[in-house]
Amino acid sequence: MTYLRRLSGSLFSDLIHENPVAYFIKPLHGESLKSDFSVDVREKNGAYIIHAELPGVKKEDVDVSIDGDCFTISAEIEQYDQKSQDEKIIQSERYFGSVSRTIRLPMEIDKAASKAHFENGVLELILTKEKKIGGKKLEIN
């Protein structure tokens, strides 16, 4: 199945690159950012540990928001055109754009106790589970 998927992707890619009409089908300069990025979620010691791969993204272009039992990771890569007047771009494959993923976890997250770290294109989140205060037994009068 993987071979078939790779073959069909290759055939489509060849069609795009060799067809002059292809410039109307795909972006003229650069590729769009992948619509999805890889995320691993683990659970350890009362926290959820998340690793998200965001290659090419700067730390200041990453945003993480928490709402109850959901967290959202958003990122943006700007397109930089650095060409002089005497040059012409033959091919540009570096991507640009914005992506976002929201993931729901089994328990609510304690925002104040959670941490984030970004290094070498990998975002690490340590999202501490909200400590629920147990129910209180009511005395009947």
C-alpha atoms as a PDB file:
ATOM      1  CA  MET A   1       0.000   0.000   0.000  1.00  0.00           C
ATOM      2  CA  THR A   2       2.842   2.359   0.846  1.00  0.00           C
ATOM      3  CA  TYR A   3       4.470   1.675  -2.533  1.00  0.00           C
ATOM      4  CA  LEU A   4       1.195   2.465  -4.308  1.00  0.00           C
ATOM      5  CA  ARG A   5       0.816   5.692  -2.332  1.00  0.00           C
ATOM      6  CA  ARG A   6       4.407   6.686  -3.143  1.00  0.00           C
ATOM      7  CA  LEU A   7       3.932   5.805  -6.811  1.00  0.00           C
ATOM      8  CA  SER A   8       0.715   7.804  -7.147  1.00  0.00           C
ATOM      9  CA  GLY A   9       2.346  10.750  -5.354  1.00  0.00           C
ATOM     10  CA  SER A  10       5.295  10.525  -7.742  1.00  0.00           C
ATOM     11  CA  LEU A  11       3.044  10.377 -10.802  1.00  0.00           C
ATOM     12  CA  PHE A  12       1.059  13.391  -9.645  1.00  0.00           C
ATOM     13  CA  SER A  13       4.268  15.268  -8.846  1.00  0.00           C
ATOM     14  CA  ASP A  14       5.659  14.501 -12.319  1.00  0.00           C
ATOM     15  CA  LEU A  15       2.424  15.677 -13.921  1.00  0.00           C
ATOM     16  CA  ILE A  16       2.594  18.959 -12.004  1.00  0.00           C
ATOM     17  CA  HIS A  17       6.260  19.605 -12.782  1.00  0.00           C
ATOM     18  CA  GLU A  18       6.095  18.788 -16.512  1.00  0.00           C
ATOM     19  CA  ASN A  19       2.784  20.438 -17.346  1.00  0.00           C
ATOM     20  CA  PRO A  20       2.848  24.179 -18.145  1.00  0.00           C
ATOM     21  CA  VAL A  21      -0.705  24.489 -16.793  1.00  0.00           C
ATOM     22  CA  ALA A  22       0.638  23.290 -13.422  1.00  0.00           C
ATOM     23  CA  TYR A  23       1.549  26.853 -12.468  1.00  0.00           C
ATOM     24  CA  PHE A  24      -2.172  27.525 -12.130  1.00  0.00           C
ATOM     25  CA  ILE A  25      -2.665  24.468  -9.921  1.00  0.00           C
ATOM     26  CA  LYS A  26       0.118  24.866  -7.366  1.00  0.00           C
ATOM     27  CA  PRO A  27       1.590  27.943  -5.684  1.00  0.00           C
ATOM     28  CA  LEU A  28       3.922  29.971  -7.873  1.00  0.00           C
ATOM     29  CA  HIS A  29       6.445  30.369  -5.095  1.00  0.00           C
ATOM     30  CA  GLY A  30       6.976  28.069  -2.122  1.00  0.00           C
ATOM     31  CA  GLU A  31       4.814  25.365  -0.672  1.00  0.00           C
ATOM     32  CA  SER A  32       2.064  25.670   1.897  1.00  0.00           C
ATOM     33  CA  LEU A  33       2.941  24.537   5.401  1.00  0.00           C
ATOM     34  CA  LYS A  34       1.882  20.964   6.139  1.00  0.00           C
ATOM     35  CA  SER A  35      -1.702  21.064   7.361  1.00  0.00           C
ATOM     36  CA  ASP A  36      -0.861  18.601  10.108  1.00  0.00           C
ATOM     37  CA  PHE A  37       2.212  18.140  12.280  1.00  0.00           C
ATOM     38  CA  SER A  38       3.363  15.186  14.357  1.00  0.00           C
ATOM     39  CA  VAL A  39       2.385  15.113  18.022  1.00  0.00           C
ATOM     40  CA  ASP A  40       3.168  12.489  20.670  1.00  0.00           C
ATOM     41  CA  VAL A  41       1.150  12.449  23.920  1.00  0.00           C
ATOM     42  CA  ARG A  42       2.274  10.439  26.947  1.00  0.00           C
ATOM     43  CA  GLU A  43       1.064  10.299  30.531  1.00  0.00           C
ATOM     44  CA  LYS A  44       3.507  10.204  33.448  1.00  0.00           C
ATOM     45  CA  ASN A  45       3.465  11.190  37.134  1.00  0.00           C
ATOM     46  CA  GLY A  46       0.192  13.130  37.074  1.00  0.00           C
ATOM     47  CA  ALA A  47       1.003  15.026  33.885  1.00  0.00           C
ATOM     48  CA  TYR A  48       0.634  14.752  30.125  1.00  0.00           C
ATOM     49  CA  ILE A  49       3.903  15.059  28.227  1.00  0.00           C
ATOM     50  CA  ILE A  50       3.510  16.295  24.676  1.00  0.00           C
ATOM     51  CA  HIS A  51       6.151  16.514  21.942  1.00  0.00           C
ATOM     52  CA  ALA A  52       5.212  18.336  18.728  1.00  0.00           C
ATOM     53  CA  GLU A  53       7.502  18.573  15.698  1.00  0.00           C
ATOM     54  CA  LEU A  54       7.516  22.071  14.210  1.00  0.00           C
ATOM     55  CA  PRO A  55      10.578  22.212  11.932  1.00  0.00           C
ATOM     56  CA  GLY A  56      11.507  25.628  10.618  1.00  0.00           C
ATOM     57  CA  VAL A  57       9.335  27.447  13.161  1.00  0.00           C
ATOM     58  CA  LYS A  58      10.830  30.045  15.527  1.00  0.00           C
ATOM     59  CA  LYS A  59       9.940  29.927  19.223  1.00  0.00           C
ATOM     60  CA  GLU A  60       8.248  33.337  19.055  1.00  0.00           C
ATOM     61  CA  ASP A  61       5.942  32.089  16.270  1.00  0.00           C
ATOM     62  CA  VAL A  62       4.505  29.249  18.389  1.00  0.00           C
ATOM     63  CA  ASP A  63       1.410  29.726  20.547  1.00  0.00           C
ATOM     64  CA  VAL A  64      -0.051  27.270  23.070  1.00  0.00           C
ATOM     65  CA  SER A  65      -3.454  27.749  24.668  1.00  0.00           C
ATOM     66  CA  ILE A  66      -5.238  25.615  27.251  1.00  0.00           C
ATOM     67  CA  ASP A  67      -8.971  25.434  27.796  1.00  0.00           C
ATOM     68  CA  GLY A  68     -10.207  22.841  30.279  1.00  0.00           C
ATOM     69  CA  ASP A  69      -9.234  19.412  28.951  1.00  0.00           C
ATOM     70  CA  CYS A  70      -8.085  20.718  25.524  1.00  0.00           C
ATOM     71  CA  PHE A  71      -4.854  22.289  24.386  1.00  0.00           C
ATOM     72  CA  THR A  72      -4.140  24.011  21.080  1.00  0.00           C
ATOM     73  CA  ILE A  73      -0.771  24.439  19.419  1.00  0.00           C
ATOM     74  CA  SER A  74      -0.594  27.093  16.690  1.00  0.00           C
ATOM     75  CA  ALA A  75       2.441  28.033  14.606  1.00  0.00           C
ATOM     76  CA  GLU A  76       3.244  30.313  11.704  1.00  0.00           C
ATOM     77  CA  ILE A  77       6.115  30.484   9.250  1.00  0.00           C
ATOM     78  CA  GLU A  78       6.466  33.631   7.190  1.00  0.00           C
ATOM     79  CA  GLN A  79       7.624  33.477   3.589  1.00  0.00           C
ATOM     80  CA  TYR A  80      10.846  35.354   3.078  1.00  0.00           C
ATOM     81  CA  ASP A  81      11.639  36.523  -0.436  1.00  0.00           C
ATOM     82  CA  GLN A  82      15.287  37.367  -0.652  1.00  0.00           C
ATOM     83  CA  LYS A  83      16.023  37.722  -4.324  1.00  0.00           C
ATOM     84  CA  SER A  84      17.720  40.481  -6.198  1.00  0.00           C
ATOM     85  CA  GLN A  85      16.492  42.078  -9.411  1.00  0.00           C
ATOM     86  CA  ASP A  86      18.987  40.175 -11.555  1.00  0.00           C
ATOM     87  CA  GLU A  87      17.883  36.703 -10.452  1.00  0.00           C
ATOM     88  CA  LYS A  88      14.913  34.471 -11.180  1.00  0.00           C
ATOM     89  CA  ILE A  89      13.557  31.762  -8.873  1.00  0.00           C
ATOM     90  CA  ILE A  90      13.647  28.408 -10.659  1.00  0.00           C
ATOM     91  CA  GLN A  91      12.246  26.323  -7.812  1.00  0.00           C
ATOM     92  CA  SER A  92      11.174  27.115  -4.255  1.00  0.00           C
ATOM     93  CA  GLU A  93      10.129  24.299  -1.925  1.00  0.00           C
ATOM     94  CA  ARG A  94      10.444  25.921   1.476  1.00  0.00           C
ATOM     95  CA  TYR A  95       7.050  26.116   3.074  1.00  0.00           C
ATOM     96  CA  PHE A  96       5.157  28.931   4.726  1.00  0.00           C
ATOM     97  CA  GLY A  97       1.787  29.516   6.334  1.00  0.00           C
ATOM     98  CA  SER A  98       0.084  28.672   9.598  1.00  0.00           C
ATOM     99  CA  VAL A  99      -1.019  25.452  11.265  1.00  0.00           C
ATOM    100  CA  SER A 100      -3.015  24.617  14.346  1.00  0.00           C
ATOM    101  CA  ARG A 101      -3.957  21.454  16.214  1.00  0.00           C
ATOM    102  CA  THR A 102      -6.310  21.003  19.128  1.00  0.00           C
ATOM    103  CA  ILE A 103      -6.188  17.836  21.200  1.00  0.00           C
ATOM    104  CA  ARG A 104      -8.620  16.796  23.936  1.00  0.00           C
ATOM    105  CA  LEU A 105      -7.160  14.969  26.932  1.00  0.00           C
ATOM    106  CA  PRO A 106      -8.935  12.655  29.398  1.00  0.00           C
ATOM    107  CA  MET A 107      -8.649  15.151  32.286  1.00  0.00           C
ATOM    108  CA  GLU A 108      -8.601  18.927  32.706  1.00  0.00           C
ATOM    109  CA  ILE A 109      -5.235  20.703  32.730  1.00  0.00           C
ATOM    110  CA  ASP A 110      -3.824  22.902  35.507  1.00  0.00           C
ATOM    111  CA  LYS A 111      -2.621  25.949  33.522  1.00  0.00           C
ATOM    112  CA  ALA A 112      -0.579  27.417  36.371  1.00  0.00           C
ATOM    113  CA  ALA A 113       1.460  24.246  36.921  1.00  0.00           C
ATOM    114  CA  SER A 114       2.054  23.460  33.226  1.00  0.00           C
ATOM    115  CA  LYS A 115       5.302  24.205  31.362  1.00  0.00           C
ATOM    116  CA  ALA A 116       6.482  24.581  27.765  1.00  0.00           C
ATOM    117  CA  HIS A 117       9.934  24.314  26.199  1.00  0.00           C
ATOM    118  CA  PHE A 118      10.942  24.751  22.532  1.00  0.00           C
ATOM    119  CA  GLU A 119      14.261  23.607  21.108  1.00  0.00           C
ATOM    120  CA  ASN A 120      15.488  22.488  17.662  1.00  0.00           C
ATOM    121  CA  GLY A 121      12.006  22.519  16.137  1.00  0.00           C
ATOM    122  CA  VAL A 122      10.439  20.373  18.869  1.00  0.00           C
ATOM    123  CA  LEU A 123       7.896  21.775  21.313  1.00  0.00           C
ATOM    124  CA  GLU A 124       7.696  19.974  24.657  1.00  0.00           C
ATOM    125  CA  LEU A 125       4.690  20.574  26.883  1.00  0.00           C
ATOM    126  CA  ILE A 126       4.318  19.239  30.411  1.00  0.00           C
ATOM    127  CA  LEU A 127       0.652  19.684  31.168  1.00  0.00           C
ATOM    128  CA  THR A 128      -0.151  18.947  34.789  1.00  0.00           C
ATOM    129  CA  LYS A 129      -3.499  17.333  35.475  1.00  0.00           C
ATOM    130  CA  GLU A 130      -6.003  19.442  37.428  1.00  0.00           C
ATOM    131  CA  LYS A 131      -6.309  18.120  40.943  1.00  0.00           C
ATOM    132  CA  LYS A 132      -9.964  17.541  41.652  1.00  0.00           C
ATOM    133  CA  ILE A 133     -11.056  18.151  45.197  1.00  0.00           C
ATOM    134  CA  GLY A 134     -13.066  15.191  46.370  1.00  0.00           C
ATOM    135  CA  GLY A 135     -16.749  15.491  47.047  1.00  0.00           C
ATOM    136  CA  LYS A 136     -17.914  16.661  50.438  1.00  0.00           C
ATOM    137  CA  LYS A 137     -20.439  14.656  52.386  1.00  0.00           C
ATOM    138  CA  LEU A 138     -23.379  16.795  53.409  1.00  0.00           C
ATOM    139  CA  GLU A 139     -24.798  16.385  56.849  1.00  0.00           C
ATOM    140  CA  ILE A 140     -28.555  15.979  56.843  1.00  0.00           C
ATOM    141  CA  ASN A 141     -30.424  18.019  59.489  1.00  0.00           C
END
